[in-house]
C-alpha atoms as a PDB file:
ATOM      1  CA  UNK A   1      16.091 -13.839  -8.481  1.00  0.00           C
ATOM      2  CA  UNK A   2      13.532 -10.559  -8.443  1.00  0.00           C
ATOM      3  CA  UNK A   3      10.309 -10.902  -8.716  1.00  0.00           C
ATOM      4  CA  UNK A   4       7.473  -8.284  -9.861  1.00  0.00           C
ATOM      5  CA  UNK A   5       3.578  -8.499 -10.673  1.00  0.00           C
ATOM      6  CA  UNK A   6       0.574  -7.128 -11.251  1.00  0.00           C
ATOM      7  CA  UNK A   7      -2.885  -7.115 -12.275  1.00  0.00           C
ATOM      8  CA  UNK A   8      -5.769  -4.921 -12.534  1.00  0.00           C
ATOM      9  CA  UNK A   9      -8.864  -5.808 -11.069  1.00  0.00           C
ATOM     10  CA  UNK A  10     -12.675  -4.288 -10.653  1.00  0.00           C
ATOM     11  CA  UNK A  11     -12.072  -1.105  -9.672  1.00  0.00           C
ATOM     12  CA  UNK A  12      -8.068  -1.127  -7.870  1.00  0.00           C
ATOM     13  CA  UNK A  13      -4.765  -2.395  -9.309  1.00  0.00           C
ATOM     14  CA  UNK A  14      -2.623  -4.811  -7.441  1.00  0.00           C
ATOM     15  CA  UNK A  15       1.450  -5.012  -7.225  1.00  0.00           C
ATOM     16  CA  UNK A  16       3.494  -7.457  -5.405  1.00  0.00           C
ATOM     17  CA  UNK A  17       7.577  -7.756  -5.375  1.00  0.00           C
ATOM     18  CA  UNK A  18       9.995  -9.536  -3.248  1.00  0.00           C
ATOM     19  CA  UNK A  19      12.021  -7.827  -0.323  1.00  0.00           C
ATOM     20  CA  UNK A  20      15.056  -9.427  -1.197  1.00  0.00           C
ATOM     21  CA  UNK A  21      18.401  -6.882  -1.497  1.00  0.00           C
ATOM     22  CA  UNK A  22      21.142  -9.807  -3.255  1.00  0.00           C
ATOM     23  CA  UNK A  23      24.567  -9.177  -4.455  1.00  0.00           C
ATOM     24  CA  UNK A  24      26.590 -12.249  -5.688  1.00  0.00           C
ATOM     25  CA  UNK A  25      25.983 -15.149  -3.471  1.00  0.00           C
ATOM     26  CA  UNK A  26      24.851 -12.958  -0.501  1.00  0.00           C
ATOM     27  CA  UNK A  27      21.552 -11.718   0.596  1.00  0.00           C
ATOM     28  CA  UNK A  28      22.304  -8.263   2.148  1.00  0.00           C
ATOM     29  CA  UNK A  29      18.595  -8.141   4.074  1.00  0.00           C
ATOM     30  CA  UNK A  30      15.301  -9.783   3.445  1.00  0.00           C
ATOM     31  CA  UNK A  31      13.007  -7.294   3.963  1.00  0.00           C
ATOM     32  CA  UNK A  32      13.679  -4.067   0.702  1.00  0.00           C
ATOM     33  CA  UNK A  33      10.555  -2.684  -0.148  1.00  0.00           C
ATOM     34  CA  UNK A  34      10.545  -2.627  -4.011  1.00  0.00           C
ATOM     35  CA  UNK A  35       7.034  -0.456  -4.532  1.00  0.00           C
ATOM     36  CA  UNK A  36       7.300   2.631  -4.413  1.00  0.00           C
ATOM     37  CA  UNK A  37       4.142   5.311  -3.380  1.00  0.00           C
ATOM     38  CA  UNK A  38       4.793   7.882  -6.193  1.00  0.00           C
ATOM     39  CA  UNK A  39       2.177   9.857  -5.077  1.00  0.00           C
ATOM     40  CA  UNK A  40      -1.828   9.588  -3.718  1.00  0.00           C
ATOM     41  CA  UNK A  41      -3.040   7.137  -6.489  1.00  0.00           C
ATOM     42  CA  UNK A  42      -0.052   5.753  -7.686  1.00  0.00           C
ATOM     43  CA  UNK A  43       2.839   2.678  -7.249  1.00  0.00           C
ATOM     44  CA  UNK A  44       5.685   2.265  -8.746  1.00  0.00           C
ATOM     45  CA  UNK A  45       7.218  -1.222  -8.211  1.00  0.00           C
ATOM     46  CA  UNK A  46      11.128  -2.113  -9.772  1.00  0.00           C
ATOM     47  CA  UNK A  47      13.067  -4.243 -10.859  1.00  0.00           C
ATOM     48  CA  UNK A  48      16.773  -4.513 -11.810  1.00  0.00           C
ATOM     49  CA  UNK A  49      20.731  -2.932 -10.452  1.00  0.00           C
ATOM     50  CA  UNK A  50      19.244  -1.878  -6.354  1.00  0.00           C
ATOM     51  CA  UNK A  51      21.611   1.506  -6.831  1.00  0.00           C
ATOM     52  CA  UNK A  52      19.433   2.364 -10.819  1.00  0.00           C
ATOM     53  CA  UNK A  53      16.468   1.379  -9.188  1.00  0.00           C
ATOM     54  CA  UNK A  54      16.473   3.453  -5.955  1.00  0.00           C
ATOM     55  CA  UNK A  55      17.539   6.170  -8.220  1.00  0.00           C
ATOM     56  CA  UNK A  56      15.403   6.222 -10.907  1.00  0.00           C
ATOM     57  CA  UNK A  57      12.051   5.758  -8.837  1.00  0.00           C
ATOM     58  CA  UNK A  58      13.316   8.618  -6.456  1.00  0.00           C
ATOM     59  CA  UNK A  59      13.801  10.781  -9.448  1.00  0.00           C
ATOM     60  CA  UNK A  60      10.331   9.532 -11.109  1.00  0.00           C
ATOM     61  CA  UNK A  61       8.905  10.422  -7.498  1.00  0.00           C
ATOM     62  CA  UNK A  62      10.358  14.202  -6.702  1.00  0.00           C
ATOM     63  CA  UNK A  63       9.711  15.071 -11.352  1.00  0.00           C
ATOM     64  CA  UNK A  64       5.573  13.595 -10.624  1.00  0.00           C
ATOM     65  CA  UNK A  65       5.383  16.215  -7.242  1.00  0.00           C
ATOM     66  CA  UNK A  66       7.352  18.552  -8.890  1.00  0.00           C
ATOM     67  CA  UNK A  67       5.079  19.084 -12.157  1.00  0.00           C
ATOM     68  CA  UNK A  68       2.149  19.218  -9.150  1.00  0.00           C
ATOM     69  CA  UNK A  69       3.670  21.796  -7.381  1.00  0.00           C
ATOM     70  CA  UNK A  70       4.266  23.884 -10.261  1.00  0.00           C
ATOM     71  CA  UNK A  71       0.785  23.108 -12.256  1.00  0.00           C
ATOM     72  CA  UNK A  72      -1.217  22.227  -8.811  1.00  0.00           C
ATOM     73  CA  UNK A  73      -2.784  18.957 -10.659  1.00  0.00           C
ATOM     74  CA  UNK A  74      -1.688  15.600 -10.276  1.00  0.00           C
ATOM     75  CA  UNK A  75      -0.271  14.008 -13.361  1.00  0.00           C
ATOM     76  CA  UNK A  76      -2.604  10.911 -14.538  1.00  0.00           C
ATOM     77  CA  UNK A  77      -1.537   7.502 -14.827  1.00  0.00           C
ATOM     78  CA  UNK A  78      -0.526   7.850 -18.168  1.00  0.00           C
ATOM     79  CA  UNK A  79       0.952  10.846 -18.355  1.00  0.00           C
ATOM     80  CA  UNK A  80       3.543   9.614 -15.557  1.00  0.00           C
ATOM     81  CA  UNK A  81       4.239   5.858 -17.531  1.00  0.00           C
ATOM     82  CA  UNK A  82       4.970   8.010 -20.729  1.00  0.00           C
ATOM     83  CA  UNK A  83       7.309  10.585 -18.862  1.00  0.00           C
ATOM     84  CA  UNK A  84       8.486   7.329 -17.114  1.00  0.00           C
ATOM     85  CA  UNK A  85       9.049   5.889 -20.457  1.00  0.00           C
ATOM     86  CA  UNK A  86      10.883   8.860 -21.669  1.00  0.00           C
ATOM     87  CA  UNK A  87      13.115   9.447 -19.170  1.00  0.00           C
ATOM     88  CA  UNK A  88      13.988   5.930 -19.535  1.00  0.00           C
ATOM     89  CA  UNK A  89      14.484   6.528 -23.459  1.00  0.00           C
ATOM     90  CA  UNK A  90      17.017   9.774 -23.326  1.00  0.00           C
ATOM     91  CA  UNK A  91      19.216   8.198 -20.437  1.00  0.00           C
ATOM     92  CA  UNK A  92      19.337   4.859 -22.826  1.00  0.00           C
ATOM     93  CA  UNK A  93      21.585   6.944 -25.479  1.00  0.00           C
ATOM     94  CA  UNK A  94      23.499   8.426 -22.848  1.00  0.00           C
ATOM     95  CA  UNK A  95      23.917   6.674 -19.426  1.00  0.00           C
ATOM     96  CA  UNK A  96      20.595   3.728 -18.965  1.00  0.00           C
ATOM     97  CA  UNK A  97      19.099   2.617 -16.270  1.00  0.00           C
ATOM     98  CA  UNK A  98      19.214  -1.321 -16.215  1.00  0.00           C
ATOM     99  CA  UNK A  99      15.566  -1.297 -14.727  1.00  0.00           C
ATOM    100  CA  UNK A 100      11.711  -2.330 -15.007  1.00  0.00           C
ATOM    101  CA  UNK A 101       9.101  -0.848 -13.683  1.00  0.00           C
ATOM    102  CA  UNK A 102       5.779  -2.195 -13.732  1.00  0.00           C
ATOM    103  CA  UNK A 103       3.709   1.379 -12.577  1.00  0.00           C
ATOM    104  CA  UNK A 104      -0.067   1.143 -11.242  1.00  0.00           C
ATOM    105  CA  UNK A 105      -2.656   4.390 -10.561  1.00  0.00           C
ATOM    106  CA  UNK A 106      -6.160   4.707 -10.399  1.00  0.00           C
ATOM    107  CA  UNK A 107      -7.391   8.127 -12.224  1.00  0.00           C
ATOM    108  CA  UNK A 108     -11.138   9.334 -11.762  1.00  0.00           C
ATOM    109  CA  UNK A 109     -12.060   9.345 -15.489  1.00  0.00           C
ATOM    110  CA  UNK A 110      -9.645   6.069 -16.462  1.00  0.00           C
ATOM    111  CA  UNK A 111      -9.998   3.812 -13.025  1.00  0.00           C
ATOM    112  CA  UNK A 112      -7.548   1.013 -12.730  1.00  0.00           C
ATOM    113  CA  UNK A 113      -4.467   0.713 -14.855  1.00  0.00           C
ATOM    114  CA  UNK A 114      -1.565  -1.051 -15.217  1.00  0.00           C
ATOM    115  CA  UNK A 115       1.345   0.277 -17.405  1.00  0.00           C
ATOM    116  CA  UNK A 116       4.838  -2.028 -18.256  1.00  0.00           C
ATOM    117  CA  UNK A 117       7.997  -0.347 -18.997  1.00  0.00           C
ATOM    118  CA  UNK A 118      11.264  -2.251 -19.749  1.00  0.00           C
ATOM    119  CA  UNK A 119      15.052  -1.057 -19.408  1.00  0.00           C
ATOM    120  CA  UNK A 120      15.200  -0.231 -22.972  1.00  0.00           C
ATOM    121  CA  UNK A 121      11.901   2.124 -22.640  1.00  0.00           C
ATOM    122  CA  UNK A 122       9.553   0.440 -24.316  1.00  0.00           C
ATOM    123  CA  UNK A 123       6.529   0.890 -22.841  1.00  0.00           C
ATOM    124  CA  UNK A 124       2.558  -1.157 -22.807  1.00  0.00           C
ATOM    125  CA  UNK A 125      -0.555  -0.956 -20.933  1.00  0.00           C
ATOM    126  CA  UNK A 126      -1.656  -3.903 -20.143  1.00  0.00           C
ATOM    127  CA  UNK A 127      -4.254  -5.991 -17.875  1.00  0.00           C
ATOM    128  CA  UNK A 128      -1.327  -8.083 -15.968  1.00  0.00           C
ATOM    129  CA  UNK A 129       2.367  -8.109 -16.046  1.00  0.00           C
ATOM    130  CA  UNK A 130       5.391  -9.137 -14.140  1.00  0.00           C
ATOM    131  CA  UNK A 131       9.305  -9.114 -14.678  1.00  0.00           C
ATOM    132  CA  UNK A 132      12.470 -11.100 -13.416  1.00  0.00           C
ATOM    133  CA  UNK A 133      12.892 -14.578 -13.187  1.00  0.00           C
ATOM    134  CA  UNK A 134       9.657 -15.164 -11.114  1.00  0.00           C
ATOM    135  CA  UNK A 135       8.112 -13.761 -13.960  1.00  0.00           C
ATOM    136  CA  UNK A 136       7.890 -17.656 -15.894  1.00  0.00           C
ATOM    137  CA  UNK A 137       6.094 -18.570 -13.535  1.00  0.00           C
ATOM    138  CA  UNK A 138       3.402 -15.282 -12.764  1.00  0.00           C
ATOM    139  CA  UNK A 139       2.640 -15.176 -16.003  1.00  0.00           C
ATOM    140  CA  UNK A 140       1.504 -19.044 -16.775  1.00  0.00           C
ATOM    141  CA  UNK A 141      -0.234 -18.678 -13.463  1.00  0.00           C
ATOM    142  CA  UNK A 142      -2.207 -15.525 -14.312  1.00  0.00           C
ATOM    143  CA  UNK A 143      -2.715 -16.325 -17.983  1.00  0.00           C
ATOM    144  CA  UNK A 144      -4.178 -18.597 -16.352  1.00  0.00           C
ATOM    145  CA  UNK A 145      -6.400 -17.732 -13.585  1.00  0.00           C
ATOM    146  CA  UNK A 146      -6.514 -14.136 -14.314  1.00  0.00           C
ATOM    147  CA  UNK A 147     -10.245 -12.603 -16.300  1.00  0.00           C
ATOM    148  CA  UNK A 148     -11.428  -9.233 -16.053  1.00  0.00           C
ATOM    149  CA  UNK A 149     -13.284  -7.492 -13.295  1.00  0.00           C
ATOM    150  CA  UNK A 150     -12.131  -9.686 -10.804  1.00  0.00           C
ATOM    151  CA  UNK A 151     -12.714  -8.882  -7.145  1.00  0.00           C
ATOM    152  CA  UNK A 152      -9.770  -8.015  -4.439  1.00  0.00           C
ATOM    153  CA  UNK A 153     -10.102 -11.234  -2.672  1.00  0.00           C
ATOM    154  CA  UNK A 154      -9.803 -13.068  -6.758  1.00  0.00           C
ATOM    155  CA  UNK A 155      -6.894 -10.686  -7.253  1.00  0.00           C
ATOM    156  CA  UNK A 156      -4.824 -11.453  -3.401  1.00  0.00           C
ATOM    157  CA  UNK A 157      -5.425 -15.271  -3.961  1.00  0.00           C
ATOM    158  CA  UNK A 158      -4.504 -15.152  -7.247  1.00  0.00           C
ATOM    159  CA  UNK A 159      -1.038 -13.167  -6.046  1.00  0.00           C
ATOM    160  CA  UNK A 160      -0.589 -15.961  -3.690  1.00  0.00           C
ATOM    161  CA  UNK A 161      -0.681 -18.640  -6.016  1.00  0.00           C
ATOM    162  CA  UNK A 162       1.949 -16.804  -7.785  1.00  0.00           C
ATOM    163  CA  UNK A 163       4.485 -16.400  -4.760  1.00  0.00           C
ATOM    164  CA  UNK A 164       3.684 -19.990  -3.493  1.00  0.00           C
ATOM    165  CA  UNK A 165       4.994 -21.362  -6.838  1.00  0.00           C
ATOM    166  CA  UNK A 166       7.895 -18.658  -7.130  1.00  0.00           C
ATOM    167  CA  UNK A 167       8.896 -20.140  -3.587  1.00  0.00           C
ATOM    168  CA  UNK A 168       8.850 -23.866  -4.255  1.00  0.00           C
ATOM    169  CA  UNK A 169      10.337 -23.503  -7.875  1.00  0.00           C
ATOM    170  CA  UNK A 170      13.469 -21.037  -8.190  1.00  0.00           C
ATOM    171  CA  UNK A 171      16.091 -22.831  -7.024  1.00  0.00           C
ATOM    172  CA  UNK A 172      16.941 -19.340  -5.156  1.00  0.00           C
ATOM    173  CA  UNK A 173      13.557 -18.084  -3.793  1.00  0.00           C
ATOM    174  CA  UNK A 174      12.793 -14.764  -1.950  1.00  0.00           C
ATOM    175  CA  UNK A 175      11.158 -15.387   0.652  1.00  0.00           C
ATOM    176  CA  UNK A 176       9.076 -12.675   1.475  1.00  0.00           C
ATOM    177  CA  UNK A 177       7.182 -10.324  -0.449  1.00  0.00           C
ATOM    178  CA  UNK A 178       4.595  -7.111  -0.187  1.00  0.00           C
ATOM    179  CA  UNK A 179       1.666  -6.606  -1.546  1.00  0.00           C
ATOM    180  CA  UNK A 180       0.354  -2.863  -2.726  1.00  0.00           C
ATOM    181  CA  UNK A 181      -3.054  -2.136  -3.559  1.00  0.00           C
ATOM    182  CA  UNK A 182      -4.243   1.625  -5.325  1.00  0.00           C
ATOM    183  CA  UNK A 183      -8.010   2.200  -6.004  1.00  0.00           C
ATOM    184  CA  UNK A 184      -9.904   5.129  -5.256  1.00  0.00           C
ATOM    185  CA  UNK A 185      -8.658   5.627  -1.591  1.00  0.00           C
ATOM    186  CA  UNK A 186      -5.540   5.434  -2.446  1.00  0.00           C
ATOM    187  CA  UNK A 187      -1.774   3.426  -3.231  1.00  0.00           C
ATOM    188  CA  UNK A 188      -1.305   1.506   0.748  1.00  0.00           C
ATOM    189  CA  UNK A 189      -0.161  -1.421   1.220  1.00  0.00           C
ATOM    190  CA  UNK A 190      -1.502  -4.341   1.556  1.00  0.00           C
ATOM    191  CA  UNK A 191       0.026  -7.070   2.760  1.00  0.00           C
ATOM    192  CA  UNK A 192       3.383  -8.686   3.544  1.00  0.00           C
ATOM    193  CA  UNK A 193       3.859 -12.389   2.291  1.00  0.00           C
ATOM    194  CA  UNK A 194       7.409 -13.508   5.346  1.00  0.00           C
ATOM    195  CA  UNK A 195       8.647 -16.636   5.657  1.00  0.00           C
ATOM    196  CA  UNK A 196      11.590 -15.481   7.209  1.00  0.00           C
ATOM    197  CA  UNK A 197      12.493 -11.923   9.094  1.00  0.00           C
ATOM    198  CA  UNK A 198      15.499 -10.426   9.692  1.00  0.00           C
ATOM    199  CA  UNK A 199      17.407 -11.082  13.115  1.00  0.00           C
ATOM    200  CA  UNK A 200      17.801  -8.132  15.162  1.00  0.00           C
ATOM    201  CA  UNK A 201      21.376  -7.425  16.102  1.00  0.00           C
ATOM    202  CA  UNK A 202      22.165  -6.943  19.488  1.00  0.00           C
ATOM    203  CA  UNK A 203      23.938  -4.227  20.866  1.00  0.00           C
ATOM    204  CA  UNK A 204      27.270  -5.334  21.996  1.00  0.00           C
END
């Protein structure tokens, strides 16, 4: 029951994701970070098959770093999103990745932006977006409460509303969420919203 969602505010973008690693009827862990820091000013939130999600996001991260190393300048958020879409489109005709992506970033000229990239390689620049079962509720709430130029406090309040709704509505709801933000000061973790913690295993 994965849930990732994000939105663009006044000079920043925020993304949130559940942190459950689930297979079949088993929960393997509840602190899996599904939001990768792509570079200093970009975030990638991904949902989908765990192997594809980890492998593909790491592949994109290393190629973005390689481009900056070779050319001395970082990719813009739009360029990174188009590169990601191109790699998904190429893989679609060979060995497709079952991964959906929200890419958030901040550029000096363009400001904050959010890109929606799904597993069949469609790309859209959006102000708000979501993937997973939680998207039914997150998108509804964002349609109702989102407005352009939101402050950080307003955006986090809306994210918390989405998290509460997902927890209360989904029959198998993820208990924990991580929230990350990107603005002129860079990409960073903002907060965790935890209702359970993984118990530490005592040494035998």
